[in-house]
């Protein structure tokens, strides 16, 4: 999603690098229009079961992104260690296909 927002020129707003102007009515209107577009794009791109994370903040793309980030990115050292430990301990089971092994590896990579 971050790459999609960057490609469409909306990431600077979400990341806070494009702050809301304090003066100039036209500039404020342009920023608010861009913020509405960004919020709607995030809402539409996120799966419906993930929208619970930013319920009540659908008009604030910066808050939406922070809430999604808090829900999905663990910044604790122990969680990272455990995720890497899980990945490096994966071994192919005798009855497991290579496709099944690949799926388990991809899930472990997503956890990281």
C-alpha atoms as a PDB file:
ATOM      1  CA  UNK A   1       0.000   0.000   0.000  1.00  0.00           C
ATOM      2  CA  UNK A   2       2.874   2.352   0.779  1.00  0.00           C
ATOM      3  CA  UNK A   3       4.287   1.862  -2.721  1.00  0.00           C
ATOM      4  CA  UNK A   4       0.857   2.473  -4.243  1.00  0.00           C
ATOM      5  CA  UNK A   5       0.459   5.702  -2.269  1.00  0.00           C
ATOM      6  CA  UNK A   6       3.946   6.800  -3.316  1.00  0.00           C
ATOM      7  CA  UNK A   7       3.242   6.071  -6.977  1.00  0.00           C
ATOM      8  CA  UNK A   8       0.087   8.172  -6.817  1.00  0.00           C
ATOM      9  CA  UNK A   9       1.702  11.115  -5.038  1.00  0.00           C
ATOM     10  CA  UNK A  10      -0.172  10.594  -1.768  1.00  0.00           C
ATOM     11  CA  UNK A  11       2.562   9.214   0.496  1.00  0.00           C
ATOM     12  CA  UNK A  12       3.959  12.609   1.534  1.00  0.00           C
ATOM     13  CA  UNK A  13       0.600  13.496   3.012  1.00  0.00           C
ATOM     14  CA  UNK A  14       0.272  10.171   4.887  1.00  0.00           C
ATOM     15  CA  UNK A  15       3.839  10.262   6.174  1.00  0.00           C
ATOM     16  CA  UNK A  16       3.459  13.827   7.456  1.00  0.00           C
ATOM     17  CA  UNK A  17       6.031  15.288   5.053  1.00  0.00           C
ATOM     18  CA  UNK A  18       3.295  17.417   3.516  1.00  0.00           C
ATOM     19  CA  UNK A  19       1.775  19.208   6.531  1.00  0.00           C
ATOM     20  CA  UNK A  20      -1.534  20.967   6.370  1.00  0.00           C
ATOM     21  CA  UNK A  21      -0.998  24.626   5.426  1.00  0.00           C
ATOM     22  CA  UNK A  22      -1.962  27.181   8.034  1.00  0.00           C
ATOM     23  CA  UNK A  23      -2.510  30.071   5.647  1.00  0.00           C
ATOM     24  CA  UNK A  24      -3.921  30.518   2.165  1.00  0.00           C
ATOM     25  CA  UNK A  25      -7.505  29.398   1.736  1.00  0.00           C
ATOM     26  CA  UNK A  26      -6.829  27.831  -1.674  1.00  0.00           C
ATOM     27  CA  UNK A  27      -3.821  25.870  -0.376  1.00  0.00           C
ATOM     28  CA  UNK A  28      -5.819  24.560   2.596  1.00  0.00           C
ATOM     29  CA  UNK A  29      -8.620  23.499   0.252  1.00  0.00           C
ATOM     30  CA  UNK A  30      -6.159  21.675  -2.032  1.00  0.00           C
ATOM     31  CA  UNK A  31      -4.583  19.893   0.960  1.00  0.00           C
ATOM     32  CA  UNK A  32      -7.976  18.853   2.343  1.00  0.00           C
ATOM     33  CA  UNK A  33      -9.050  17.562  -1.077  1.00  0.00           C
ATOM     34  CA  UNK A  34      -5.849  15.526  -1.319  1.00  0.00           C
ATOM     35  CA  UNK A  35      -6.382  14.244   2.237  1.00  0.00           C
ATOM     36  CA  UNK A  36      -9.919  13.106   1.363  1.00  0.00           C
ATOM     37  CA  UNK A  37      -8.637  11.338  -1.740  1.00  0.00           C
ATOM     38  CA  UNK A  38      -5.892   9.647   0.284  1.00  0.00           C
ATOM     39  CA  UNK A  39      -8.292   8.533   3.013  1.00  0.00           C
ATOM     40  CA  UNK A  40     -10.691   7.093   0.449  1.00  0.00           C
ATOM     41  CA  UNK A  41      -7.880   5.225  -1.323  1.00  0.00           C
ATOM     42  CA  UNK A  42      -6.651   3.703   1.940  1.00  0.00           C
ATOM     43  CA  UNK A  43     -10.208   2.727   2.847  1.00  0.00           C
ATOM     44  CA  UNK A  44     -10.819   1.081  -0.522  1.00  0.00           C
ATOM     45  CA  UNK A  45      -7.451  -0.720  -0.650  1.00  0.00           C
ATOM     46  CA  UNK A  46      -7.694  -2.203   2.842  1.00  0.00           C
ATOM     47  CA  UNK A  47      -9.576  -5.478   3.184  1.00  0.00           C
ATOM     48  CA  UNK A  48     -12.934  -5.058   4.886  1.00  0.00           C
ATOM     49  CA  UNK A  49     -11.919  -7.042   7.985  1.00  0.00           C
ATOM     50  CA  UNK A  50      -8.979  -4.641   8.527  1.00  0.00           C
ATOM     51  CA  UNK A  51     -11.113  -1.505   8.570  1.00  0.00           C
ATOM     52  CA  UNK A  52     -11.899  -2.107  12.223  1.00  0.00           C
ATOM     53  CA  UNK A  53      -8.442  -0.755  13.059  1.00  0.00           C
ATOM     54  CA  UNK A  54      -9.292   2.781  11.929  1.00  0.00           C
ATOM     55  CA  UNK A  55     -13.047   2.895  12.497  1.00  0.00           C
ATOM     56  CA  UNK A  56     -14.053   6.448  13.397  1.00  0.00           C
ATOM     57  CA  UNK A  57     -11.046   8.003  11.655  1.00  0.00           C
ATOM     58  CA  UNK A  58     -12.042   7.464   8.018  1.00  0.00           C
ATOM     59  CA  UNK A  59     -11.524  11.147   7.206  1.00  0.00           C
ATOM     60  CA  UNK A  60      -7.943  11.367   8.543  1.00  0.00           C
ATOM     61  CA  UNK A  61      -5.458   9.458   6.347  1.00  0.00           C
ATOM     62  CA  UNK A  62      -2.526  10.162   8.659  1.00  0.00           C
ATOM     63  CA  UNK A  63      -4.347   8.679  11.653  1.00  0.00           C
ATOM     64  CA  UNK A  64      -5.609   5.774   9.530  1.00  0.00           C
ATOM     65  CA  UNK A  65      -2.048   4.901   8.520  1.00  0.00           C
ATOM     66  CA  UNK A  66      -0.723   5.178  12.086  1.00  0.00           C
ATOM     67  CA  UNK A  67      -3.480   2.912  13.391  1.00  0.00           C
ATOM     68  CA  UNK A  68      -2.866   0.320  10.669  1.00  0.00           C
ATOM     69  CA  UNK A  69       0.859   0.486  11.324  1.00  0.00           C
ATOM     70  CA  UNK A  70       0.347   0.017  15.066  1.00  0.00           C
ATOM     71  CA  UNK A  71      -1.890  -2.978  14.437  1.00  0.00           C
ATOM     72  CA  UNK A  72       0.439  -4.742  12.005  1.00  0.00           C
ATOM     73  CA  UNK A  73       4.021  -3.744  12.736  1.00  0.00           C
ATOM     74  CA  UNK A  74       5.423  -5.053  15.954  1.00  0.00           C
ATOM     75  CA  UNK A  75       8.403  -2.964  16.971  1.00  0.00           C
ATOM     76  CA  UNK A  76       9.374  -5.105  19.929  1.00  0.00           C
ATOM     77  CA  UNK A  77      12.699  -6.848  19.795  1.00  0.00           C
ATOM     78  CA  UNK A  78      11.353 -10.105  21.242  1.00  0.00           C
ATOM     79  CA  UNK A  79       8.687 -10.374  18.560  1.00  0.00           C
ATOM     80  CA  UNK A  80      11.281  -9.894  15.827  1.00  0.00           C
ATOM     81  CA  UNK A  81      13.561 -12.498  17.349  1.00  0.00           C
ATOM     82  CA  UNK A  82      10.701 -15.000  17.591  1.00  0.00           C
ATOM     83  CA  UNK A  83       9.662 -14.361  13.997  1.00  0.00           C
ATOM     84  CA  UNK A  84      13.198 -14.979  12.727  1.00  0.00           C
ATOM     85  CA  UNK A  85      13.541 -18.030  14.961  1.00  0.00           C
ATOM     86  CA  UNK A  86      10.317 -19.443  13.497  1.00  0.00           C
ATOM     87  CA  UNK A  87      11.578 -18.861   9.974  1.00  0.00           C
ATOM     88  CA  UNK A  88      14.980 -20.440  10.524  1.00  0.00           C
ATOM     89  CA  UNK A  89      13.502 -23.482  12.254  1.00  0.00           C
ATOM     90  CA  UNK A  90      11.286 -24.441   9.298  1.00  0.00           C
ATOM     91  CA  UNK A  91      12.067 -27.910   7.988  1.00  0.00           C
ATOM     92  CA  UNK A  92      10.314 -29.908   5.307  1.00  0.00           C
ATOM     93  CA  UNK A  93       8.106 -32.615   6.785  1.00  0.00           C
ATOM     94  CA  UNK A  94       8.245 -36.080   5.199  1.00  0.00           C
ATOM     95  CA  UNK A  95       4.631 -35.937   4.056  1.00  0.00           C
ATOM     96  CA  UNK A  96       4.764 -32.257   3.027  1.00  0.00           C
ATOM     97  CA  UNK A  97       4.899 -31.102  -0.579  1.00  0.00           C
ATOM     98  CA  UNK A  98       7.276 -28.384  -1.728  1.00  0.00           C
ATOM     99  CA  UNK A  99       4.297 -26.125  -2.309  1.00  0.00           C
ATOM    100  CA  UNK A 100       3.210 -26.609   1.301  1.00  0.00           C
ATOM    101  CA  UNK A 101       6.722 -25.839   2.508  1.00  0.00           C
ATOM    102  CA  UNK A 102       6.812 -22.716   0.379  1.00  0.00           C
ATOM    103  CA  UNK A 103       3.507 -21.526   1.854  1.00  0.00           C
ATOM    104  CA  UNK A 104       4.835 -21.971   5.405  1.00  0.00           C
ATOM    105  CA  UNK A 105       8.010 -20.056   4.501  1.00  0.00           C
ATOM    106  CA  UNK A 106       6.003 -17.204   2.964  1.00  0.00           C
ATOM    107  CA  UNK A 107       3.825 -16.957   6.084  1.00  0.00           C
ATOM    108  CA  UNK A 108       6.937 -16.803   8.254  1.00  0.00           C
ATOM    109  CA  UNK A 109       8.361 -14.057   6.023  1.00  0.00           C
ATOM    110  CA  UNK A 110       5.134 -12.086   6.373  1.00  0.00           C
ATOM    111  CA  UNK A 111       5.375 -12.356  10.149  1.00  0.00           C
ATOM    112  CA  UNK A 112       8.836 -10.815   9.986  1.00  0.00           C
END
